[in-house]
Structure formats: C-alpha cells, structure tokens
Protein backbone atom coordinates (compact mmCIF):
# COMPACT_ATOMS: atom_id res chain seq x y z
CA UNK A 1 37.78 -31.89 280.12
CA UNK A 2 37.82 -35.07 282.01
CA UNK A 3 39.66 -35.45 285.25
CA UNK A 4 42.19 -38.15 285.82
CA UNK A 5 42.45 -40.08 289.09
CA UNK A 6 45.03 -42.52 290.17
CA UNK A 7 44.13 -45.49 292.35
CA UNK A 8 46.67 -48.14 293.24
CA UNK A 9 48.89 -47.11 290.36
CA UNK A 10 46.09 -47.23 287.76
CA UNK A 11 45.06 -44.03 286.04
CA UNK A 12 41.31 -43.54 285.53
CA UNK A 13 39.49 -40.88 283.53
CA UNK A 14 36.04 -39.55 284.32
CA UNK A 15 33.97 -39.56 281.14
CA UNK A 16 31.07 -37.17 280.92
CA UNK A 17 29.36 -39.06 278.04
CA UNK A 18 29.67 -42.28 276.15
CA UNK A 19 31.52 -42.42 272.85
CA UNK A 20 29.55 -41.03 269.91
CA UNK A 21 29.57 -44.34 268.01
CA UNK A 22 27.75 -46.05 270.90
CA UNK A 23 25.17 -43.29 271.12
CA UNK A 24 24.51 -43.50 267.36
CA UNK A 25 24.29 -47.29 267.46
CA UNK A 26 21.86 -47.19 270.39
CA UNK A 27 19.67 -44.61 268.66
CA UNK A 28 19.55 -46.58 265.40
CA UNK A 29 18.74 -49.77 267.32
CA UNK A 30 15.95 -48.08 269.28
CA UNK A 31 14.39 -46.60 266.12
CA UNK A 32 14.62 -49.97 264.34
CA UNK A 33 12.98 -51.69 267.34
CA UNK A 34 10.05 -49.27 267.34
CA UNK A 35 9.52 -49.69 263.58
CA UNK A 36 9.83 -53.49 263.84
CA UNK A 37 7.31 -53.73 266.69
CA UNK A 38 4.92 -51.33 264.96
CA UNK A 39 5.05 -53.33 261.74
CA UNK A 40 4.31 -56.66 263.40
CA UNK A 41 1.74 -55.34 265.85
CA UNK A 42 -0.27 -53.32 263.34
CA UNK A 43 0.24 -55.19 260.04
CA UNK A 44 -2.16 -58.06 260.68
CA UNK A 45 0.59 -60.46 261.69
CA UNK A 46 -0.70 -63.48 263.57
CA UNK A 47 0.83 -65.94 265.95
CA UNK A 48 1.97 -69.43 264.98
CA UNK A 49 -1.04 -70.85 266.81
CA UNK A 50 -3.43 -68.83 264.63
CA UNK A 51 -1.54 -69.87 261.49
CA UNK A 52 -1.71 -73.53 262.53
CA UNK A 53 -5.45 -73.24 263.21
CA UNK A 54 -6.03 -71.70 259.76
CA UNK A 55 -3.98 -74.46 258.12
CA UNK A 56 -5.94 -77.12 259.99
CA UNK A 57 -9.22 -75.57 258.84
CA UNK A 58 -8.02 -75.62 255.20
CA UNK A 59 -6.87 -79.22 255.59
CA UNK A 60 -10.26 -80.22 257.04
CA UNK A 61 -12.02 -78.62 254.08
CA UNK A 62 -9.81 -80.63 251.71
CA UNK A 63 -10.51 -83.80 253.66
CA UNK A 64 -14.27 -83.26 253.34
CA UNK A 65 -13.91 -82.67 249.59
CA UNK A 66 -11.87 -85.85 249.20
CA UNK A 67 -14.39 -87.91 251.17
CA UNK A 68 -17.21 -86.73 248.93
CA UNK A 69 -15.20 -87.70 245.85
CA UNK A 70 -14.46 -91.11 247.31
CA UNK A 71 -18.07 -91.70 248.32
CA UNK A 72 -19.65 -90.72 245.03
CA UNK A 73 -16.88 -91.55 242.58
CA UNK A 74 -17.84 -88.31 240.84
CA UNK A 75 -15.51 -85.74 239.38
CA UNK A 76 -13.40 -83.70 241.77
CA UNK A 77 -14.42 -80.21 240.70
CA UNK A 78 -11.57 -78.44 242.55
CA UNK A 79 -9.00 -79.86 240.13
CA UNK A 80 -10.54 -79.21 236.77
CA UNK A 81 -13.05 -82.09 236.69
CA UNK A 82 -10.65 -85.05 236.55
CA UNK A 83 -12.06 -88.45 237.47
CA UNK A 84 -10.59 -90.42 240.37
CA UNK A 85 -9.46 -93.05 237.85
CA UNK A 86 -7.40 -90.41 236.06
CA UNK A 87 -5.70 -89.55 239.35
CA UNK A 88 -4.97 -93.20 239.97
CA UNK A 89 -3.40 -93.53 236.51
CA UNK A 90 -1.20 -90.49 237.11
CA UNK A 91 -0.30 -91.80 240.56
CA UNK A 92 0.64 -95.22 239.18
CA UNK A 93 3.09 -93.65 236.72
CA UNK A 94 4.61 -91.45 239.41
CA UNK A 95 4.84 -94.37 241.80
CA UNK A 96 6.81 -96.26 239.16
CA UNK A 97 9.28 -93.41 238.80
CA UNK A 98 9.56 -92.06 242.36
CA UNK A 99 8.51 -94.72 244.85
CA UNK A 100 9.40 -98.17 243.45
CA UNK A 101 13.02 -97.95 244.57
CA UNK A 102 12.04 -97.92 248.25
CA UNK A 103 8.57 -99.47 248.42
CA UNK A 104 8.99 -102.11 245.71
CA UNK A 105 7.00 -102.82 242.53
CA UNK A 106 4.21 -104.54 244.45
CA UNK A 107 4.34 -101.90 247.24
CA UNK A 108 5.05 -104.65 249.76
CA UNK A 109 8.05 -102.80 251.13
CA UNK A 110 11.79 -102.99 250.86
CA UNK A 111 13.79 -100.07 252.11
CA UNK A 112 10.47 -98.30 252.75
CA UNK A 113 7.46 -99.77 254.54
CA UNK A 114 4.72 -101.96 253.08
CA UNK A 115 2.02 -99.74 251.54
CA UNK A 116 -0.57 -102.51 251.25
CA UNK A 117 -1.25 -102.76 254.99
CA UNK A 118 -4.41 -101.29 256.50
CA UNK A 119 -2.69 -98.87 258.95
CA UNK A 120 0.31 -96.65 258.42
CA UNK A 121 2.57 -95.31 261.14
CA UNK A 122 1.68 -91.69 260.32
CA UNK A 123 -1.92 -92.31 259.24
CA UNK A 124 -3.62 -93.42 256.05
CA UNK A 125 -6.01 -90.53 255.46
CA UNK A 126 -5.61 -88.42 252.34
CA UNK A 127 -4.33 -85.57 254.48
CA UNK A 128 -1.73 -87.76 256.19
CA UNK A 129 -0.56 -89.23 252.90
CA UNK A 130 -0.32 -85.79 251.29
CA UNK A 131 1.77 -84.51 254.20
CA UNK A 132 4.01 -87.58 254.04
CA UNK A 133 4.61 -87.18 250.31
CA UNK A 134 5.21 -83.43 250.44
CA UNK A 135 7.15 -83.09 253.71
CA UNK A 136 8.66 -86.56 254.13
CA UNK A 137 8.98 -88.39 257.43
CA UNK A 138 11.88 -89.05 259.82
CA UNK A 139 13.74 -92.27 259.24
CA UNK A 140 14.07 -92.26 255.48
CA UNK A 141 10.99 -90.90 253.70
CA UNK A 142 12.25 -87.94 251.63
CA UNK A 143 10.17 -84.85 250.93
CA UNK A 144 8.94 -84.58 247.36
CA UNK A 145 7.43 -81.07 247.58
CA UNK A 146 9.95 -79.68 245.09
CA UNK A 147 9.50 -82.56 242.62
CA UNK A 148 5.73 -82.93 242.32
CA UNK A 149 2.85 -80.53 241.82
CA UNK A 150 -0.61 -80.58 243.39
CA UNK A 151 -2.15 -82.79 240.69
CA UNK A 152 0.66 -85.31 240.96
CA UNK A 153 0.35 -85.49 244.74
CA UNK A 154 -3.39 -86.08 244.38
CA UNK A 155 -2.60 -88.87 241.93
CA UNK A 156 -0.07 -90.51 244.24
CA UNK A 157 -2.47 -90.32 247.16
CA UNK A 158 -5.31 -91.86 245.14
CA UNK A 159 -3.01 -94.61 243.87
CA UNK A 160 -1.65 -95.45 247.33
CA UNK A 161 -5.22 -95.65 248.67
CA UNK A 162 -6.05 -98.27 246.00
CA UNK A 163 -3.21 -100.54 247.14
CA UNK A 164 -4.34 -103.64 249.03
C-alpha cells in the first residue's frame, strides 16, 4: 500500500504507479504513433514540395499542348478532337451566363476588371486563366471549380484569350 506523509498540514500519498487509465491511454497513443509513422514513411507519401513539383510539371505539359493548338489552329486531341472555334463558342455562352455580371457584356469591366487589356494582374497565359477560373482570386473573383467542368474551363479560357 502507499504511505501517507504530512507536510505543513497537507497529506500526501506515495504512488507506486500511475493510474491504469493513463497507462492504457499512453500505450494506445504510442501504438497509433508507430502505425501512423510507418504508414506515411513506407506508403509512398511525398512532401508538399514534391507534390507541387509534379503539379508544375503537369501544368507545363498542358501549356505546351495549348501553345501547339494556338500555333497551328489544329484540333486539340486531348479533348476529343474539338476545334478551337468550338471552345470559343462554348466559352462565349458560359461567359454570358457566369461572367457578364462582373466583367460586363463587352468585357470592359465593371465590378470585375477589364478583360480586354493586354496584361492581367495574375497573368494572361492559359495556365493562369485556368487557375483564376477554377480557384478564384482574392478581392472578388469567385472560384468556379464546382460549377464548370474541364471542357467548359477550356472554352472560357479560349474565349477570354480572343477578347481584345
């Protein structure tokens, strides 16, 4: 049994071991920690830097594909053979339904910025425009990633690039 000591009117007990609930909790936590570390160390998990580098490589490949489409005016084979003009037509319809309220019918601005200028704040490349449409931008540009699919984004990007 534990001994009791009294110091300055306070009774203390010597405990030989910690309470069972703490020992169980510690054991479960230690086992979970080992499993968690093993899973992430040996499951092929990569760091955020590696994930960002892979995303950048994919984005660069898309950019090269888009440049070849723009240069030749040929069909974009990665999206089922649609012509650039078809993308522009789709983009024009989507612009009328999603973008006119902020950018205006002539795309000269309003609540949103003028889309007919040669330089945009966040870039005017296809990649930059795609990111802007999908993820939005601070200061008012909403994200449309849940409202548009890949084909529609391509259409909007192609349409915005035709604006002058």
